[in-house]
PDB file of all heavy atoms in Angstrom:
ATOM      1  N   ASP A   1     -12.322   2.453 -17.176  1.00  0.00           N
ATOM      2  CA  ASP A   1     -13.320   1.595 -16.532  1.00  0.00           C
ATOM      3  C   ASP A   1     -13.350   0.174 -17.114  1.00  0.00           C
ATOM      4  O   ASP A   1     -14.409  -0.401 -17.325  1.00  0.00           O
ATOM      5  CB  ASP A   1     -14.707   2.234 -16.625  1.00  0.00           C
ATOM      6  CG  ASP A   1     -15.677   1.658 -15.610  1.00  0.00           C
ATOM      7  OD1 ASP A   1     -15.239   1.385 -14.477  1.00  0.00           O
ATOM      8  OD2 ASP A   1     -16.864   1.473 -15.950  1.00  0.00           O
ATOM      9  N   LYS A   2     -12.164  -0.368 -17.378  1.00  0.00           N
ATOM     10  CA  LYS A   2     -12.051  -1.721 -17.918  1.00  0.00           C
ATOM     11  C   LYS A   2     -11.265  -2.586 -16.951  1.00  0.00           C
ATOM     12  O   LYS A   2     -10.519  -2.093 -16.118  1.00  0.00           O
ATOM     13  CB  LYS A   2     -11.333  -1.702 -19.265  1.00  0.00           C
ATOM     14  CG  LYS A   2     -12.067  -0.901 -20.306  1.00  0.00           C
ATOM     15  CD  LYS A   2     -11.566  -1.211 -21.675  1.00  0.00           C
ATOM     16  CE  LYS A   2     -12.337  -0.355 -22.654  1.00  0.00           C
ATOM     17  NZ  LYS A   2     -12.865  -1.021 -23.754  1.00  0.00           N
ATOM     18  N   VAL A   3     -11.452  -3.903 -17.057  1.00  0.00           N
ATOM     19  CA  VAL A   3     -10.705  -4.852 -16.242  1.00  0.00           C
ATOM     20  C   VAL A   3      -9.726  -5.616 -17.132  1.00  0.00           C
ATOM     21  O   VAL A   3      -9.918  -5.706 -18.347  1.00  0.00           O
ATOM     22  CB  VAL A   3     -11.621  -5.853 -15.492  1.00  0.00           C
ATOM     23  CG1 VAL A   3     -12.485  -5.131 -14.479  1.00  0.00           C
ATOM     24  CG2 VAL A   3     -12.480  -6.621 -16.463  1.00  0.00           C
ATOM     25  N   ALA A   4      -8.707  -6.178 -16.531  1.00  0.00           N
ATOM     26  CA  ALA A   4      -7.714  -6.950 -17.264  1.00  0.00           C
ATOM     27  C   ALA A   4      -7.959  -8.444 -17.055  1.00  0.00           C
ATOM     28  O   ALA A   4      -8.772  -8.839 -16.223  1.00  0.00           O
ATOM     29  CB  ALA A   4      -6.310  -6.595 -16.785  1.00  0.00           C
ATOM     30  N   SER A   5      -7.247  -9.246 -17.809  1.00  0.00           N
ATOM     31  CA  SER A   5      -7.305 -10.697 -17.603  1.00  0.00           C
ATOM     32  C   SER A   5      -5.979 -11.155 -17.007  1.00  0.00           C
ATOM     33  O   SER A   5      -4.943 -10.496 -17.183  1.00  0.00           O
ATOM     34  CB  SER A   5      -7.566 -11.408 -18.931  1.00  0.00           C
ATOM     35  OG  SER A   5      -6.492 -11.209 -19.813  1.00  0.00           O
ATOM     36  N   PHE A   6      -6.027 -12.256 -16.298  1.00  0.00           N
ATOM     37  CA  PHE A   6      -4.836 -12.773 -15.627  1.00  0.00           C
ATOM     38  C   PHE A   6      -4.697 -14.263 -15.871  1.00  0.00           C
ATOM     39  O   PHE A   6      -5.681 -14.973 -16.011  1.00  0.00           O
ATOM     40  CB  PHE A   6      -4.931 -12.540 -14.116  1.00  0.00           C
ATOM     41  CG  PHE A   6      -5.025 -11.104 -13.738  1.00  0.00           C
ATOM     42  CD1 PHE A   6      -6.259 -10.485 -13.624  1.00  0.00           C
ATOM     43  CD2 PHE A   6      -3.891 -10.351 -13.516  1.00  0.00           C
ATOM     44  CE1 PHE A   6      -6.364  -9.157 -13.275  1.00  0.00           C
ATOM     45  CE2 PHE A   6      -3.971  -9.024 -13.162  1.00  0.00           C
ATOM     46  CZ  PHE A   6      -5.214  -8.418 -13.048  1.00  0.00           C
ATOM     47  N   GLN A   7      -3.452 -14.705 -15.888  1.00  0.00           N
ATOM     48  CA  GLN A   7      -3.154 -16.112 -16.077  1.00  0.00           C
ATOM     49  C   GLN A   7      -1.877 -16.426 -15.298  1.00  0.00           C
ATOM     50  O   GLN A   7      -0.973 -15.586 -15.241  1.00  0.00           O
ATOM     51  CB  GLN A   7      -2.966 -16.399 -17.557  1.00  0.00           C
ATOM     52  CG  GLN A   7      -2.674 -17.809 -17.906  1.00  0.00           C
ATOM     53  CD  GLN A   7      -2.508 -17.975 -19.417  1.00  0.00           C
ATOM     54  OE1 GLN A   7      -2.595 -17.025 -20.187  1.00  0.00           O
ATOM     55  NE2 GLN A   7      -2.235 -19.188 -19.815  1.00  0.00           N
ATOM     56  N   VAL A   8      -1.816 -17.617 -14.723  1.00  0.00           N
ATOM     57  CA  VAL A   8      -0.590 -18.057 -14.058  1.00  0.00           C
ATOM     58  C   VAL A   8       0.056 -19.121 -14.940  1.00  0.00           C
ATOM     59  O   VAL A   8      -0.592 -20.082 -15.327  1.00  0.00           O
ATOM     60  CB  VAL A   8      -0.891 -18.643 -12.651  1.00  0.00           C
ATOM     61  CG1 VAL A   8       0.361 -19.219 -12.042  1.00  0.00           C
ATOM     62  CG2 VAL A   8      -1.494 -17.585 -11.752  1.00  0.00           C
ATOM     63  N   ALA A   9       1.319 -18.917 -15.262  1.00  0.00           N
ATOM     64  CA  ALA A   9       2.058 -19.885 -16.067  1.00  0.00           C
ATOM     65  C   ALA A   9       3.519 -19.893 -15.637  1.00  0.00           C
ATOM     66  O   ALA A   9       4.132 -18.827 -15.461  1.00  0.00           O
ATOM     67  CB  ALA A   9       1.959 -19.525 -17.539  1.00  0.00           C
ATOM     68  N   ASP A  10       4.045 -21.073 -15.421  1.00  0.00           N
ATOM     69  CA  ASP A  10       5.466 -21.228 -15.059  1.00  0.00           C
ATOM     70  C   ASP A  10       5.866 -20.371 -13.863  1.00  0.00           C
ATOM     71  O   ASP A  10       6.943 -19.798 -13.823  1.00  0.00           O
ATOM     72  CB  ASP A  10       6.376 -20.917 -16.243  1.00  0.00           C
ATOM     73  CG  ASP A  10       6.144 -21.866 -17.405  1.00  0.00           C
ATOM     74  OD1 ASP A  10       5.857 -23.050 -17.143  1.00  0.00           O
ATOM     75  OD2 ASP A  10       6.251 -21.426 -18.568  1.00  0.00           O
ATOM     76  N   GLY A  11       4.979 -20.247 -12.884  1.00  0.00           N
ATOM     77  CA  GLY A  11       5.293 -19.539 -11.645  1.00  0.00           C
ATOM     78  C   GLY A  11       5.268 -18.027 -11.749  1.00  0.00           C
ATOM     79  O   GLY A  11       5.797 -17.340 -10.871  1.00  0.00           O
ATOM     80  N   VAL A  12       4.673 -17.481 -12.798  1.00  0.00           N
ATOM     81  CA  VAL A  12       4.552 -16.026 -12.934  1.00  0.00           C
ATOM     82  C   VAL A  12       3.111 -15.661 -13.281  1.00  0.00           C
ATOM     83  O   VAL A  12       2.352 -16.471 -13.785  1.00  0.00           O
ATOM     84  CB  VAL A  12       5.498 -15.451 -14.020  1.00  0.00           C
ATOM     85  CG1 VAL A  12       6.947 -15.679 -13.648  1.00  0.00           C
ATOM     86  CG2 VAL A  12       5.202 -16.037 -15.373  1.00  0.00           C
ATOM     87  N   VAL A  13       2.760 -14.420 -13.023  1.00  0.00           N
ATOM     88  CA  VAL A  13       1.431 -13.895 -13.372  1.00  0.00           C
ATOM     89  C   VAL A  13       1.556 -13.170 -14.709  1.00  0.00           C
ATOM     90  O   VAL A  13       2.415 -12.312 -14.882  1.00  0.00           O
ATOM     91  CB  VAL A  13       0.921 -12.920 -12.299  1.00  0.00           C
ATOM     92  CG1 VAL A  13      -0.403 -12.299 -12.726  1.00  0.00           C
ATOM     93  CG2 VAL A  13       0.770 -13.610 -10.963  1.00  0.00           C
ATOM     94  N   ILE A  14       0.690 -13.535 -15.632  1.00  0.00           N
ATOM     95  CA  ILE A  14       0.646 -12.870 -16.935  1.00  0.00           C
ATOM     96  C   ILE A  14      -0.598 -12.002 -16.953  1.00  0.00           C
ATOM     97  O   ILE A  14      -1.708 -12.471 -16.710  1.00  0.00           O
ATOM     98  CB  ILE A  14       0.581 -13.912 -18.071  1.00  0.00           C
ATOM     99  CG1 ILE A  14       1.834 -14.790 -18.029  1.00  0.00           C
ATOM    100  CG2 ILE A  14       0.443 -13.204 -19.419  1.00  0.00           C
ATOM    101  CD1 ILE A  14       1.762 -15.983 -18.943  1.00  0.00           C
ATOM    102  N   ILE A  15      -0.397 -10.722 -17.233  1.00  0.00           N
ATOM    103  CA  ILE A  15      -1.496  -9.767 -17.296  1.00  0.00           C
ATOM    104  C   ILE A  15      -1.831  -9.524 -18.768  1.00  0.00           C
ATOM    105  O   ILE A  15      -0.956  -9.171 -19.556  1.00  0.00           O
ATOM    106  CB  ILE A  15      -1.126  -8.426 -16.626  1.00  0.00           C
ATOM    107  CG1 ILE A  15      -0.658  -8.649 -15.192  1.00  0.00           C
ATOM    108  CG2 ILE A  15      -2.304  -7.459 -16.686  1.00  0.00           C
ATOM    109  CD1 ILE A  15      -0.070  -7.415 -14.545  1.00  0.00           C
ATOM    110  N   GLY A  16      -3.095  -9.709 -19.117  1.00  0.00           N
ATOM    111  CA  GLY A  16      -3.518  -9.472 -20.488  1.00  0.00           C
ATOM    112  C   GLY A  16      -4.708  -8.535 -20.549  1.00  0.00           C
ATOM    113  O   GLY A  16      -5.333  -8.234 -19.529  1.00  0.00           O
ATOM    114  N   ASP A  17      -5.003  -8.037 -21.704  1.00  0.00           N
ATOM    115  CA  ASP A  17      -6.159  -7.185 -21.954  1.00  0.00           C
ATOM    116  C   ASP A  17      -6.190  -5.908 -21.105  1.00  0.00           C
ATOM    117  O   ASP A  17      -7.244  -5.393 -20.796  1.00  0.00           O
ATOM    118  CB  ASP A  17      -7.481  -7.952 -21.722  1.00  0.00           C
ATOM    119  CG  ASP A  17      -7.622  -9.144 -22.644  1.00  0.00           C
ATOM    120  OD1 ASP A  17      -7.129  -9.075 -23.767  1.00  0.00           O
ATOM    121  OD2 ASP A  17      -8.217 -10.139 -22.212  1.00  0.00           O
ATOM    122  N   TYR A  18      -5.007  -5.412 -20.743  1.00  0.00           N
ATOM    123  CA  TYR A  18      -4.997  -4.119 -20.041  1.00  0.00           C
ATOM    124  C   TYR A  18      -5.076  -3.010 -21.085  1.00  0.00           C
ATOM    125  O   TYR A  18      -4.614  -3.151 -22.211  1.00  0.00           O
ATOM    126  CB  TYR A  18      -3.763  -3.969 -19.148  1.00  0.00           C
ATOM    127  CG  TYR A  18      -2.444  -4.153 -19.862  1.00  0.00           C
ATOM    128  CD1 TYR A  18      -1.773  -3.081 -20.398  1.00  0.00           C
ATOM    129  CD2 TYR A  18      -1.878  -5.421 -19.984  1.00  0.00           C
ATOM    130  CE1 TYR A  18      -0.572  -3.243 -21.055  1.00  0.00           C
ATOM    131  CE2 TYR A  18      -0.667  -5.595 -20.637  1.00  0.00           C
ATOM    132  CZ  TYR A  18      -0.027  -4.500 -21.168  1.00  0.00           C
ATOM    133  OH  TYR A  18       1.156  -4.668 -21.828  1.00  0.00           O
ATOM    134  N   CYS A  19      -5.714  -1.922 -20.726  1.00  0.00           N
ATOM    135  CA  CYS A  19      -6.044  -0.898 -21.722  1.00  0.00           C
ATOM    136  C   CYS A  19      -5.000   0.204 -21.876  1.00  0.00           C
ATOM    137  O   CYS A  19      -4.963   0.875 -22.899  1.00  0.00           O
ATOM    138  CB  CYS A  19      -7.402  -0.283 -21.392  1.00  0.00           C
ATOM    139  SG  CYS A  19      -7.507   0.316 -19.713  1.00  0.00           S
ATOM    140  N   CYS A  20      -4.158   0.390 -20.856  1.00  0.00           N
ATOM    141  CA  CYS A  20      -3.161   1.452 -20.955  1.00  0.00           C
ATOM    142  C   CYS A  20      -1.999   1.158 -20.000  1.00  0.00           C
ATOM    143  O   CYS A  20      -2.106   0.322 -19.097  1.00  0.00           O
ATOM    144  CB  CYS A  20      -3.755   2.822 -20.660  1.00  0.00           C
ATOM    145  SG  CYS A  20      -4.397   3.024 -18.988  1.00  0.00           S
ATOM    146  N   SER A  21      -0.906   1.855 -20.203  1.00  0.00           N
ATOM    147  CA  SER A  21       0.296   1.600 -19.393  1.00  0.00           C
ATOM    148  C   SER A  21       0.079   1.994 -17.929  1.00  0.00           C
ATOM    149  O   SER A  21       0.644   1.372 -17.034  1.00  0.00           O
ATOM    150  CB  SER A  21       1.502   2.325 -19.980  1.00  0.00           C
ATOM    151  OG  SER A  21       1.273   3.720 -20.017  1.00  0.00           O
ATOM    152  N   ASP A  22      -0.733   3.008 -17.681  1.00  0.00           N
ATOM    153  CA  ASP A  22      -1.009   3.400 -16.295  1.00  0.00           C
ATOM    154  C   ASP A  22      -1.733   2.274 -15.548  1.00  0.00           C
ATOM    155  O   ASP A  22      -1.446   1.995 -14.388  1.00  0.00           O
ATOM    156  CB  ASP A  22      -1.857   4.674 -16.229  1.00  0.00           C
ATOM    157  CG  ASP A  22      -1.082   5.910 -16.658  1.00  0.00           C
ATOM    158  OD1 ASP A  22       0.160   5.896 -16.621  1.00  0.00           O
ATOM    159  OD2 ASP A  22      -1.744   6.900 -17.036  1.00  0.00           O
ATOM    160  N   PHE A  23      -2.665   1.650 -16.226  1.00  0.00           N
ATOM    161  CA  PHE A  23      -3.397   0.532 -15.633  1.00  0.00           C
ATOM    162  C   PHE A  23      -2.464  -0.645 -15.377  1.00  0.00           C
ATOM    163  O   PHE A  23      -2.509  -1.276 -14.329  1.00  0.00           O
ATOM    164  CB  PHE A  23      -4.566   0.137 -16.534  1.00  0.00           C
ATOM    165  CG  PHE A  23      -5.497  -0.904 -15.950  1.00  0.00           C
ATOM    166  CD1 PHE A  23      -5.825  -0.899 -14.612  1.00  0.00           C
ATOM    167  CD2 PHE A  23      -6.059  -1.867 -16.761  1.00  0.00           C
ATOM    168  CE1 PHE A  23      -6.705  -1.848 -14.081  1.00  0.00           C
ATOM    169  CE2 PHE A  23      -6.921  -2.825 -16.250  1.00  0.00           C
ATOM    170  CZ  PHE A  23      -7.240  -2.805 -14.906  1.00  0.00           C
ATOM    171  N   TYR A  24      -1.606  -0.934 -16.338  1.00  0.00           N
ATOM    172  CA  TYR A  24      -0.637  -2.025 -16.183  1.00  0.00           C
ATOM    173  C   TYR A  24       0.252  -1.766 -14.969  1.00  0.00           C
ATOM    174  O   TYR A  24       0.481  -2.647 -14.152  1.00  0.00           O
ATOM    175  CB  TYR A  24       0.220  -2.176 -17.448  1.00  0.00           C
ATOM    176  CG  TYR A  24       1.215  -3.293 -17.368  1.00  0.00           C
ATOM    177  CD1 TYR A  24       0.834  -4.601 -17.606  1.00  0.00           C
ATOM    178  CD2 TYR A  24       2.547  -3.051 -17.026  1.00  0.00           C
ATOM    179  CE1 TYR A  24       1.743  -5.640 -17.518  1.00  0.00           C
ATOM    180  CE2 TYR A  24       3.457  -4.078 -16.946  1.00  0.00           C
ATOM    181  CZ  TYR A  24       3.051  -5.368 -17.186  1.00  0.00           C
ATOM    182  OH  TYR A  24       3.955  -6.388 -17.075  1.00  0.00           O
ATOM    183  N   LYS A  25       0.746  -0.555 -14.844  1.00  0.00           N
ATOM    184  CA  LYS A  25       1.599  -0.193 -13.711  1.00  0.00           C
ATOM    185  C   LYS A  25       0.841  -0.364 -12.397  1.00  0.00           C
ATOM    186  O   LYS A  25       1.366  -0.895 -11.431  1.00  0.00           O
ATOM    187  CB  LYS A  25       2.100   1.249 -13.865  1.00  0.00           C
ATOM    188  CG  LYS A  25       3.004   1.687 -12.745  1.00  0.00           C
ATOM    189  CD  LYS A  25       3.482   3.089 -12.918  1.00  0.00           C
ATOM    190  CE  LYS A  25       4.334   3.496 -11.728  1.00  0.00           C
ATOM    191  NZ  LYS A  25       4.663   4.918 -11.754  1.00  0.00           N
ATOM    192  N   SER A  26      -0.390   0.107 -12.355  1.00  0.00           N
ATOM    193  CA  SER A  26      -1.226  -0.016 -11.175  1.00  0.00           C
ATOM    194  C   SER A  26      -1.425  -1.490 -10.783  1.00  0.00           C
ATOM    195  O   SER A  26      -1.346  -1.858  -9.613  1.00  0.00           O
ATOM    196  CB  SER A  26      -2.570   0.654 -11.423  1.00  0.00           C
ATOM    197  OG  SER A  26      -3.486   0.367 -10.419  1.00  0.00           O
ATOM    198  N   LEU A  27      -1.688  -2.328 -11.793  1.00  0.00           N
ATOM    199  CA  LEU A  27      -1.887  -3.763 -11.541  1.00  0.00           C
ATOM    200  C   LEU A  27      -0.621  -4.421 -10.999  1.00  0.00           C
ATOM    201  O   LEU A  27      -0.684  -5.209 -10.059  1.00  0.00           O
ATOM    202  CB  LEU A  27      -2.354  -4.463 -12.806  1.00  0.00           C
ATOM    203  CG  LEU A  27      -3.759  -4.133 -13.277  1.00  0.00           C
ATOM    204  CD1 LEU A  27      -4.001  -4.734 -14.653  1.00  0.00           C
ATOM    205  CD2 LEU A  27      -4.795  -4.631 -12.287  1.00  0.00           C
ATOM    206  N   THR A  28       0.519  -4.096 -11.588  1.00  0.00           N
ATOM    207  CA  THR A  28       1.761  -4.725 -11.124  1.00  0.00           C
ATOM    208  C   THR A  28       2.078  -4.303  -9.675  1.00  0.00           C
ATOM    209  O   THR A  28       2.543  -5.101  -8.882  1.00  0.00           O
ATOM    210  CB  THR A  28       2.950  -4.397 -12.038  1.00  0.00           C
ATOM    211  OG1 THR A  28       3.108  -2.988 -12.148  1.00  0.00           O
ATOM    212  CG2 THR A  28       2.769  -5.010 -13.418  1.00  0.00           C
ATOM    213  N   GLU A  29       1.776  -3.057  -9.352  1.00  0.00           N
ATOM    214  CA  GLU A  29       1.989  -2.591  -7.970  1.00  0.00           C
ATOM    215  C   GLU A  29       1.045  -3.305  -7.007  1.00  0.00           C
ATOM    216  O   GLU A  29       1.461  -3.713  -5.922  1.00  0.00           O
ATOM    217  CB  GLU A  29       1.788  -1.072  -7.897  1.00  0.00           C
ATOM    218  CG  GLU A  29       2.905  -0.302  -8.550  1.00  0.00           C
ATOM    219  CD  GLU A  29       2.622   1.188  -8.682  1.00  0.00           C
ATOM    220  OE1 GLU A  29       1.487   1.622  -8.364  1.00  0.00           O
ATOM    221  OE2 GLU A  29       3.537   1.920  -9.090  1.00  0.00           O
ATOM    222  N   ARG A  30      -0.219  -3.461  -7.396  1.00  0.00           N
ATOM    223  CA  ARG A  30      -1.195  -4.153  -6.533  1.00  0.00           C
ATOM    224  C   ARG A  30      -0.827  -5.624  -6.366  1.00  0.00           C
ATOM    225  O   ARG A  30      -0.938  -6.180  -5.278  1.00  0.00           O
ATOM    226  CB  ARG A  30      -2.595  -4.045  -7.126  1.00  0.00           C
ATOM    227  CG  ARG A  30      -3.249  -2.712  -6.898  1.00  0.00           C
ATOM    228  CD  ARG A  30      -3.740  -2.532  -5.474  1.00  0.00           C
ATOM    229  NE  ARG A  30      -4.779  -3.510  -5.200  1.00  0.00           N
ATOM    230  CZ  ARG A  30      -4.756  -4.365  -4.176  1.00  0.00           C
ATOM    231  NH1 ARG A  30      -3.776  -4.376  -3.322  1.00  0.00           N
ATOM    232  NH2 ARG A  30      -5.724  -5.232  -4.002  1.00  0.00           N
ATOM    233  N   ILE A  31      -0.377  -6.268  -7.435  1.00  0.00           N
ATOM    234  CA  ILE A  31       0.052  -7.666  -7.334  1.00  0.00           C
ATOM    235  C   ILE A  31       1.204  -7.778  -6.371  1.00  0.00           C
ATOM    236  O   ILE A  31       1.223  -8.659  -5.501  1.00  0.00           O
ATOM    237  CB  ILE A  31       0.404  -8.218  -8.730  1.00  0.00           C
ATOM    238  CG1 ILE A  31      -0.855  -8.385  -9.570  1.00  0.00           C
ATOM    239  CG2 ILE A  31       1.163  -9.548  -8.613  1.00  0.00           C
ATOM    240  CD1 ILE A  31      -0.608  -8.660 -11.027  1.00  0.00           C
ATOM    241  N   GLN A  32       2.177  -6.878  -6.473  1.00  0.00           N
ATOM    242  CA  GLN A  32       3.321  -6.917  -5.565  1.00  0.00           C
ATOM    243  C   GLN A  32       2.882  -6.687  -4.130  1.00  0.00           C
ATOM    244  O   GLN A  32       3.372  -7.349  -3.205  1.00  0.00           O
ATOM    245  CB  GLN A  32       4.384  -5.906  -5.978  1.00  0.00           C
ATOM    246  CG  GLN A  32       5.666  -6.025  -5.187  1.00  0.00           C
ATOM    247  CD  GLN A  32       6.321  -7.391  -5.341  1.00  0.00           C
ATOM    248  OE1 GLN A  32       6.547  -7.841  -6.453  1.00  0.00           O
ATOM    249  NE2 GLN A  32       6.587  -8.080  -4.249  1.00  0.00           N
ATOM    250  N   GLU A  33       1.965  -5.759  -3.908  1.00  0.00           N
ATOM    251  CA  GLU A  33       1.441  -5.520  -2.555  1.00  0.00           C
ATOM    252  C   GLU A  33       0.807  -6.769  -1.985  1.00  0.00           C
ATOM    253  O   GLU A  33       1.024  -7.114  -0.816  1.00  0.00           O
ATOM    254  CB  GLU A  33       0.412  -4.400  -2.584  1.00  0.00           C
ATOM    255  CG  GLU A  33       0.959  -3.025  -2.767  1.00  0.00           C
ATOM    256  CD  GLU A  33      -0.147  -1.975  -2.937  1.00  0.00           C
ATOM    257  OE1 GLU A  33      -1.332  -2.305  -2.726  1.00  0.00           O
ATOM    258  OE2 GLU A  33       0.203  -0.843  -3.312  1.00  0.00           O
ATOM    259  N   GLU A  34      -0.007  -7.459  -2.784  1.00  0.00           N
ATOM    260  CA  GLU A  34      -0.674  -8.669  -2.314  1.00  0.00           C
ATOM    261  C   GLU A  34       0.335  -9.789  -2.047  1.00  0.00           C
ATOM    262  O   GLU A  34       0.197 -10.524  -1.085  1.00  0.00           O
ATOM    263  CB  GLU A  34      -1.731  -9.135  -3.315  1.00  0.00           C
ATOM    264  CG  GLU A  34      -2.961  -8.276  -3.334  1.00  0.00           C
ATOM    265  CD  GLU A  34      -3.655  -8.196  -1.985  1.00  0.00           C
ATOM    266  OE1 GLU A  34      -3.719  -9.205  -1.270  1.00  0.00           O
ATOM    267  OE2 GLU A  34      -4.150  -7.116  -1.652  1.00  0.00           O
ATOM    268  N   ILE A  35       1.348  -9.914  -2.895  1.00  0.00           N
ATOM    269  CA  ILE A  35       2.394 -10.917  -2.646  1.00  0.00           C
ATOM    270  C   ILE A  35       3.091 -10.605  -1.333  1.00  0.00           C
ATOM    271  O   ILE A  35       3.331 -11.508  -0.527  1.00  0.00           O
ATOM    272  CB  ILE A  35       3.394 -10.954  -3.829  1.00  0.00           C
ATOM    273  CG1 ILE A  35       2.731 -11.578  -5.045  1.00  0.00           C
ATOM    274  CG2 ILE A  35       4.661 -11.713  -3.442  1.00  0.00           C
ATOM    275  CD1 ILE A  35       3.565 -11.519  -6.323  1.00  0.00           C
ATOM    276  N   ASP A  36       3.422  -9.332  -1.122  1.00  0.00           N
ATOM    277  CA  ASP A  36       4.081  -8.939   0.124  1.00  0.00           C
ATOM    278  C   ASP A  36       3.208  -9.252   1.339  1.00  0.00           C
ATOM    279  O   ASP A  36       3.684  -9.752   2.353  1.00  0.00           O
ATOM    280  CB  ASP A  36       4.454  -7.458   0.103  1.00  0.00           C
ATOM    281  CG  ASP A  36       5.542  -7.143  -0.912  1.00  0.00           C
ATOM    282  OD1 ASP A  36       6.219  -8.085  -1.407  1.00  0.00           O
ATOM    283  OD2 ASP A  36       5.706  -5.946  -1.215  1.00  0.00           O
ATOM    284  N   LYS A  37       1.914  -8.951   1.256  1.00  0.00           N
ATOM    285  CA  LYS A  37       0.990  -9.228   2.356  1.00  0.00           C
ATOM    286  C   LYS A  37       0.900 -10.731   2.634  1.00  0.00           C
ATOM    287  O   LYS A  37       0.960 -11.151   3.780  1.00  0.00           O
ATOM    288  CB  LYS A  37      -0.428  -8.736   2.024  1.00  0.00           C
ATOM    289  CG  LYS A  37      -0.634  -7.271   2.147  1.00  0.00           C
ATOM    290  CD  LYS A  37      -2.067  -6.941   1.805  1.00  0.00           C
ATOM    291  CE  LYS A  37      -2.304  -5.481   1.618  1.00  0.00           C
ATOM    292  NZ  LYS A  37      -3.675  -5.189   1.197  1.00  0.00           N
ATOM    293  N   GLN A  38       0.744 -11.510   1.581  1.00  0.00           N
ATOM    294  CA  GLN A  38       0.584 -12.942   1.736  1.00  0.00           C
ATOM    295  C   GLN A  38       1.846 -13.608   2.267  1.00  0.00           C
ATOM    296  O   GLN A  38       1.774 -14.503   3.092  1.00  0.00           O
ATOM    297  CB  GLN A  38       0.180 -13.602   0.401  1.00  0.00           C
ATOM    298  CG  GLN A  38      -1.153 -13.176  -0.111  1.00  0.00           C
ATOM    299  CD  GLN A  38      -2.296 -13.679   0.763  1.00  0.00           C
ATOM    300  OE1 GLN A  38      -2.241 -14.759   1.330  1.00  0.00           O
ATOM    301  NE2 GLN A  38      -3.342 -12.891   0.860  1.00  0.00           N
ATOM    302  N   THR A  39       3.009 -13.164   1.805  1.00  0.00           N
ATOM    303  CA  THR A  39       4.252 -13.770   2.288  1.00  0.00           C
ATOM    304  C   THR A  39       4.530 -13.357   3.740  1.00  0.00           C
ATOM    305  O   THR A  39       5.144 -14.095   4.473  1.00  0.00           O
ATOM    306  CB  THR A  39       5.450 -13.420   1.386  1.00  0.00           C
ATOM    307  OG1 THR A  39       5.544 -12.007   1.249  1.00  0.00           O
ATOM    308  CG2 THR A  39       5.314 -14.079   0.039  1.00  0.00           C
ATOM    309  N   PHE A  40       4.070 -12.162   4.102  1.00  0.00           N
ATOM    310  CA  PHE A  40       4.226 -11.720   5.492  1.00  0.00           C
ATOM    311  C   PHE A  40       3.400 -12.573   6.431  1.00  0.00           C
ATOM    312  O   PHE A  40       3.792 -12.856   7.561  1.00  0.00           O
ATOM    313  CB  PHE A  40       3.819 -10.250   5.621  1.00  0.00           C
ATOM    314  CG  PHE A  40       3.969  -9.702   7.009  1.00  0.00           C
ATOM    315  CD1 PHE A  40       5.209  -9.462   7.559  1.00  0.00           C
ATOM    316  CD2 PHE A  40       2.849  -9.477   7.788  1.00  0.00           C
ATOM    317  CE1 PHE A  40       5.365  -8.965   8.840  1.00  0.00           C
ATOM    318  CE2 PHE A  40       2.966  -8.973   9.073  1.00  0.00           C
ATOM    319  CZ  PHE A  40       4.239  -8.727   9.597  1.00  0.00           C
TER     320      PHE A  40
END
């Protein structure tokens, strides 16, 4: 039940303060989904 922090630098998204690898994986998948939606 925690949230992560995000930062944009040099054209990439940096994910910080994630609590576990499952959460990190979930976030990277969601980011990719949103990129795909927006580019579409």
